[in-house]
């Protein structure tokens, strides 16, 4: 027996199918793809960057 599951991917697929149903009528695939990436957090919008603040001495 294995403790690995595909629950994460099933959840992502469910979100994608829901977005496709809601967004019926998008003019192009790029808009649909952008919406899927935004809603499922597949890619980080901005990678965490360390911001160094400069202080006047």
PDB file of N, CA and C in Angstrom:
ATOM      1  N   UNK A   1       0.850  -1.179   0.000  1.00  0.00           N
ATOM      2  CA  UNK A   1       0.000   0.000   0.000  1.00  0.00           C
ATOM      3  C   UNK A   1       0.894   1.241   0.000  1.00  0.00           C
ATOM      4  N   UNK A   2       0.424   2.235  -0.665  1.00  0.00           N
ATOM      5  CA  UNK A   2       1.159   3.482  -0.759  1.00  0.00           C
ATOM      6  C   UNK A   2       0.327   4.606  -0.156  1.00  0.00           C
ATOM      7  N   UNK A   3       1.004   5.554   0.429  1.00  0.00           N
ATOM      8  CA  UNK A   3       0.304   6.695   1.024  1.00  0.00           C
ATOM      9  C   UNK A   3       0.198   7.870   0.053  1.00  0.00           C
ATOM     10  N   UNK A   4       0.615   7.671  -1.186  1.00  0.00           N
ATOM     11  CA  UNK A   4       0.533   8.731  -2.183  1.00  0.00           C
ATOM     12  C   UNK A   4      -0.876   8.797  -2.750  1.00  0.00           C
ATOM     13  N   UNK A   5      -1.370  10.008  -2.945  1.00  0.00           N
ATOM     14  CA  UNK A   5      -2.693  10.187  -3.536  1.00  0.00           C
ATOM     15  C   UNK A   5      -2.608  11.213  -4.656  1.00  0.00           C
ATOM     16  N   UNK A   6      -3.614  11.231  -5.472  1.00  0.00           N
ATOM     17  CA  UNK A   6      -3.671  12.218  -6.546  1.00  0.00           C
ATOM     18  C   UNK A   6      -4.717  13.285  -6.229  1.00  0.00           C
ATOM     19  N   UNK A   7      -5.005  13.476  -4.971  1.00  0.00           N
ATOM     20  CA  UNK A   7      -6.014  14.442  -4.544  1.00  0.00           C
ATOM     21  C   UNK A   7      -5.713  15.862  -4.989  1.00  0.00           C
ATOM     22  N   UNK A   8      -4.459  16.241  -4.948  1.00  0.00           N
ATOM     23  CA  UNK A   8      -4.068  17.591  -5.369  1.00  0.00           C
ATOM     24  C   UNK A   8      -4.431  17.818  -6.836  1.00  0.00           C
ATOM     25  N   UNK A   9      -4.094  16.853  -7.677  1.00  0.00           N
ATOM     26  CA  UNK A   9      -4.361  17.000  -9.108  1.00  0.00           C
ATOM     27  C   UNK A   9      -5.851  16.916  -9.414  1.00  0.00           C
ATOM     28  N   UNK A  10      -6.568  16.111  -8.671  1.00  0.00           N
ATOM     29  CA  UNK A  10      -8.021  16.043  -8.857  1.00  0.00           C
ATOM     30  C   UNK A  10      -8.666  17.385  -8.501  1.00  0.00           C
ATOM     31  N   UNK A  11      -8.166  18.031  -7.454  1.00  0.00           N
ATOM     32  CA  UNK A  11      -8.678  19.349  -7.078  1.00  0.00           C
ATOM     33  C   UNK A  11      -8.404  20.391  -8.144  1.00  0.00           C
ATOM     34  N   UNK A  12      -7.199  20.360  -8.708  1.00  0.00           N
ATOM     35  CA  UNK A  12      -6.846  21.303  -9.773  1.00  0.00           C
ATOM     36  C   UNK A  12      -7.720  21.062 -10.998  1.00  0.00           C
ATOM     37  N   UNK A  13      -7.916  19.793 -11.362  1.00  0.00           N
ATOM     38  CA  UNK A  13      -8.764  19.479 -12.519  1.00  0.00           C
ATOM     39  C   UNK A  13     -10.194  19.949 -12.298  1.00  0.00           C
ATOM     40  N   UNK A  14     -10.706  19.805 -11.083  1.00  0.00           N
ATOM     41  CA  UNK A  14     -12.060  20.260 -10.775  1.00  0.00           C
ATOM     42  C   UNK A  14     -12.168  21.771 -10.933  1.00  0.00           C
ATOM     43  N   UNK A  15     -11.153  22.509 -10.449  1.00  0.00           N
ATOM     44  CA  UNK A  15     -11.158  23.966 -10.600  1.00  0.00           C
ATOM     45  C   UNK A  15     -11.126  24.362 -12.071  1.00  0.00           C
ATOM     46  N   UNK A  16     -10.315  23.666 -12.863  1.00  0.00           N
ATOM     47  CA  UNK A  16     -10.212  23.982 -14.285  1.00  0.00           C
ATOM     48  C   UNK A  16     -11.549  23.755 -14.982  1.00  0.00           C
ATOM     49  N   UNK A  17     -12.204  22.652 -14.680  1.00  0.00           N
ATOM     50  CA  UNK A  17     -13.504  22.371 -15.297  1.00  0.00           C
ATOM     51  C   UNK A  17     -14.548  23.402 -14.888  1.00  0.00           C
ATOM     52  N   UNK A  18     -14.503  23.846 -13.636  1.00  0.00           N
ATOM     53  CA  UNK A  18     -15.429  24.873 -13.172  1.00  0.00           C
ATOM     54  C   UNK A  18     -15.186  26.186 -13.909  1.00  0.00           C
ATOM     55  N   UNK A  19     -13.924  26.565 -14.061  1.00  0.00           N
ATOM     56  CA  UNK A  19     -13.584  27.802 -14.774  1.00  0.00           C
ATOM     57  C   UNK A  19     -14.048  27.714 -16.224  1.00  0.00           C
ATOM     58  N   UNK A  20     -13.894  26.548 -16.844  1.00  0.00           N
ATOM     59  CA  UNK A  20     -14.338  26.389 -18.227  1.00  0.00           C
ATOM     60  C   UNK A  20     -15.849  26.556 -18.344  1.00  0.00           C
ATOM     61  N   UNK A  21     -16.591  26.047 -17.381  1.00  0.00           N
ATOM     62  CA  UNK A  21     -18.051  26.197 -17.424  1.00  0.00           C
ATOM     63  C   UNK A  21     -18.463  27.649 -17.221  1.00  0.00           C
ATOM     64  N   UNK A  22     -17.816  28.314 -16.265  1.00  0.00           N
ATOM     65  CA  UNK A  22     -18.165  29.703 -15.963  1.00  0.00           C
ATOM     66  C   UNK A  22     -17.757  30.630 -17.106  1.00  0.00           C
ATOM     67  N   UNK A  23     -16.603  30.384 -17.692  1.00  0.00           N
ATOM     68  CA  UNK A  23     -16.038  31.314 -18.670  1.00  0.00           C
ATOM     69  C   UNK A  23     -16.385  30.932 -20.102  1.00  0.00           C
ATOM     70  N   UNK A  24     -17.502  30.292 -20.307  1.00  0.00           N
ATOM     71  CA  UNK A  24     -17.930  29.951 -21.663  1.00  0.00           C
ATOM     72  C   UNK A  24     -18.076  31.238 -22.469  1.00  0.00           C
ATOM     73  N   UNK A  25     -17.363  31.321 -23.580  1.00  0.00           N
ATOM     74  CA  UNK A  25     -17.458  32.496 -24.420  1.00  0.00           C
ATOM     75  C   UNK A  25     -16.194  33.339 -24.447  1.00  0.00           C
ATOM     76  N   UNK A  26     -15.128  32.909 -23.765  1.00  0.00           N
ATOM     77  CA  UNK A  26     -13.869  33.640 -23.910  1.00  0.00           C
ATOM     78  C   UNK A  26     -13.449  33.590 -25.369  1.00  0.00           C
ATOM     79  N   UNK A  27     -12.925  34.688 -25.869  1.00  0.00           N
ATOM     80  CA  UNK A  27     -12.601  34.766 -27.287  1.00  0.00           C
ATOM     81  C   UNK A  27     -11.375  33.941 -27.658  1.00  0.00           C
ATOM     82  N   UNK A  28     -10.409  33.861 -26.773  1.00  0.00           N
ATOM     83  CA  UNK A  28      -9.220  33.096 -27.134  1.00  0.00           C
ATOM     84  C   UNK A  28      -8.729  32.252 -25.957  1.00  0.00           C
ATOM     85  N   UNK A  29      -7.892  31.303 -26.287  1.00  0.00           N
ATOM     86  CA  UNK A  29      -7.387  30.370 -25.287  1.00  0.00           C
ATOM     87  C   UNK A  29      -6.472  31.067 -24.288  1.00  0.00           C
ATOM     88  N   UNK A  30      -5.773  32.112 -24.706  1.00  0.00           N
ATOM     89  CA  UNK A  30      -4.855  32.823 -23.816  1.00  0.00           C
ATOM     90  C   UNK A  30      -5.558  33.393 -22.595  1.00  0.00           C
ATOM     91  N   UNK A  31      -6.749  33.954 -22.801  1.00  0.00           N
ATOM     92  CA  UNK A  31      -7.504  34.495 -21.666  1.00  0.00           C
ATOM     93  C   UNK A  31      -7.937  33.396 -20.714  1.00  0.00           C
ATOM     94  N   UNK A  32      -8.390  32.276 -21.266  1.00  0.00           N
ATOM     95  CA  UNK A  32      -8.793  31.145 -20.430  1.00  0.00           C
ATOM     96  C   UNK A  32      -7.601  30.607 -19.655  1.00  0.00           C
ATOM     97  N   UNK A  33      -6.470  30.479 -20.321  1.00  0.00           N
ATOM     98  CA  UNK A  33      -5.250  29.979 -19.672  1.00  0.00           C
ATOM     99  C   UNK A  33      -4.827  30.906 -18.538  1.00  0.00           C
ATOM    100  N   UNK A  34      -4.875  32.202 -18.775  1.00  0.00           N
ATOM    101  CA  UNK A  34      -4.510  33.169 -17.737  1.00  0.00           C
ATOM    102  C   UNK A  34      -5.426  33.049 -16.528  1.00  0.00           C
ATOM    103  N   UNK A  35      -6.709  32.878 -16.775  1.00  0.00           N
ATOM    104  CA  UNK A  35      -7.679  32.735 -15.682  1.00  0.00           C
ATOM    105  C   UNK A  35      -7.413  31.466 -14.875  1.00  0.00           C
ATOM    106  N   UNK A  36      -7.087  30.370 -15.570  1.00  0.00           N
ATOM    107  CA  UNK A  36      -6.798  29.110 -14.888  1.00  0.00           C
ATOM    108  C   UNK A  36      -5.562  29.249 -14.021  1.00  0.00           C
ATOM    109  N   UNK A  37      -4.515  29.844 -14.556  1.00  0.00           N
ATOM    110  CA  UNK A  37      -3.276  30.016 -13.790  1.00  0.00           C
ATOM    111  C   UNK A  37      -3.517  30.905 -12.583  1.00  0.00           C
ATOM    112  N   UNK A  38      -4.283  31.963 -12.756  1.00  0.00           N
ATOM    113  CA  UNK A  38      -4.573  32.878 -11.658  1.00  0.00           C
ATOM    114  C   UNK A  38      -5.375  32.191 -10.559  1.00  0.00           C
ATOM    115  N   UNK A  39      -6.391  31.443 -10.924  1.00  0.00           N
ATOM    116  CA  UNK A  39      -7.292  30.842  -9.939  1.00  0.00           C
ATOM    117  C   UNK A  39      -6.720  29.606  -9.263  1.00  0.00           C
ATOM    118  N   UNK A  40      -5.830  28.889  -9.929  1.00  0.00           N
ATOM    119  CA  UNK A  40      -5.298  27.664  -9.339  1.00  0.00           C
ATOM    120  C   UNK A  40      -3.927  27.861  -8.716  1.00  0.00           C
ATOM    121  N   UNK A  41      -3.375  29.056  -8.829  1.00  0.00           N
ATOM    122  CA  UNK A  41      -2.056  29.359  -8.267  1.00  0.00           C
ATOM    123  C   UNK A  41      -0.996  28.385  -8.765  1.00  0.00           C
ATOM    124  N   UNK A  42      -1.038  28.059 -10.057  1.00  0.00           N
ATOM    125  CA  UNK A  42      -0.056  27.142 -10.614  1.00  0.00           C
ATOM    126  C   UNK A  42       1.327  27.780 -10.675  1.00  0.00           C
ATOM    127  N   UNK A  43       1.366  29.070 -10.905  1.00  0.00           N
ATOM    128  CA  UNK A  43       2.630  29.791 -10.942  1.00  0.00           C
ATOM    129  C   UNK A  43       2.535  30.980 -10.007  1.00  0.00           C
ATOM    130  N   UNK A  44       3.622  31.280  -9.337  1.00  0.00           N
ATOM    131  CA  UNK A  44       3.639  32.442  -8.460  1.00  0.00           C
ATOM    132  C   UNK A  44       3.693  33.698  -9.329  1.00  0.00           C
ATOM    133  N   UNK A  45       2.848  34.669  -9.025  1.00  0.00           N
ATOM    134  CA  UNK A  45       2.818  35.901  -9.804  1.00  0.00           C
ATOM    135  C   UNK A  45       4.136  36.654  -9.658  1.00  0.00           C
ATOM    136  N   UNK A  46       4.586  36.806  -8.440  1.00  0.00           N
ATOM    137  CA  UNK A  46       5.859  37.462  -8.167  1.00  0.00           C
ATOM    138  C   UNK A  46       6.655  36.575  -7.223  1.00  0.00           C
ATOM    139  N   UNK A  47       7.809  36.114  -7.656  1.00  0.00           N
ATOM    140  CA  UNK A  47       8.603  35.306  -6.740  1.00  0.00           C
ATOM    141  C   UNK A  47       9.030  36.153  -5.546  1.00  0.00           C
ATOM    142  N   UNK A  48       9.160  35.508  -4.427  1.00  0.00           N
ATOM    143  CA  UNK A  48       9.541  36.240  -3.225  1.00  0.00           C
ATOM    144  C   UNK A  48      10.960  36.770  -3.396  1.00  0.00           C
ATOM    145  N   UNK A  49      11.071  38.052  -3.297  1.00  0.00           N
ATOM    146  CA  UNK A  49      12.369  38.699  -3.418  1.00  0.00           C
ATOM    147  C   UNK A  49      12.648  39.445  -2.130  1.00  0.00           C
ATOM    148  N   UNK A  50      13.883  39.405  -1.740  1.00  0.00           N
ATOM    149  CA  UNK A  50      14.273  40.139  -0.546  1.00  0.00           C
ATOM    150  C   UNK A  50      14.485  41.596  -0.937  1.00  0.00           C
ATOM    151  N   UNK A  51      13.790  42.474  -0.270  1.00  0.00           N
ATOM    152  CA  UNK A  51      13.891  43.899  -0.563  1.00  0.00           C
ATOM    153  C   UNK A  51      14.811  44.535   0.471  1.00  0.00           C
ATOM    154  N   UNK A  52      15.844  45.157  -0.021  1.00  0.00           N
ATOM    155  CA  UNK A  52      16.786  45.827   0.870  1.00  0.00           C
ATOM    156  C   UNK A  52      16.449  47.308   0.895  1.00  0.00           C
ATOM    157  N   UNK A  53      16.237  47.809   2.071  1.00  0.00           N
ATOM    158  CA  UNK A  53      15.923  49.224   2.207  1.00  0.00           C
ATOM    159  C   UNK A  53      17.203  49.988   2.522  1.00  0.00           C
ATOM    160  N   UNK A  54      17.327  51.119   1.890  1.00  0.00           N
ATOM    161  CA  UNK A  54      18.487  51.963   2.124  1.00  0.00           C
ATOM    162  C   UNK A  54      18.091  53.082   3.071  1.00  0.00           C
ATOM    163  N   UNK A  55      18.851  53.241   4.099  1.00  0.00           N
ATOM    164  CA  UNK A  55      18.589  54.289   5.081  1.00  0.00           C
ATOM    165  C   UNK A  55      19.664  55.362   4.963  1.00  0.00           C
ATOM    166  N   UNK A  56      19.230  56.593   5.053  1.00  0.00           N
ATOM    167  CA  UNK A  56      20.177  57.707   5.020  1.00  0.00           C
ATOM    168  C   UNK A  56      20.901  57.769   6.353  1.00  0.00           C
ATOM    169  N   UNK A  57      22.204  57.912   6.291  1.00  0.00           N
ATOM    170  CA  UNK A  57      22.998  57.929   7.524  1.00  0.00           C
ATOM    171  C   UNK A  57      23.160  59.312   8.065  1.00  0.00           C
TER     172      UNK A  57
END
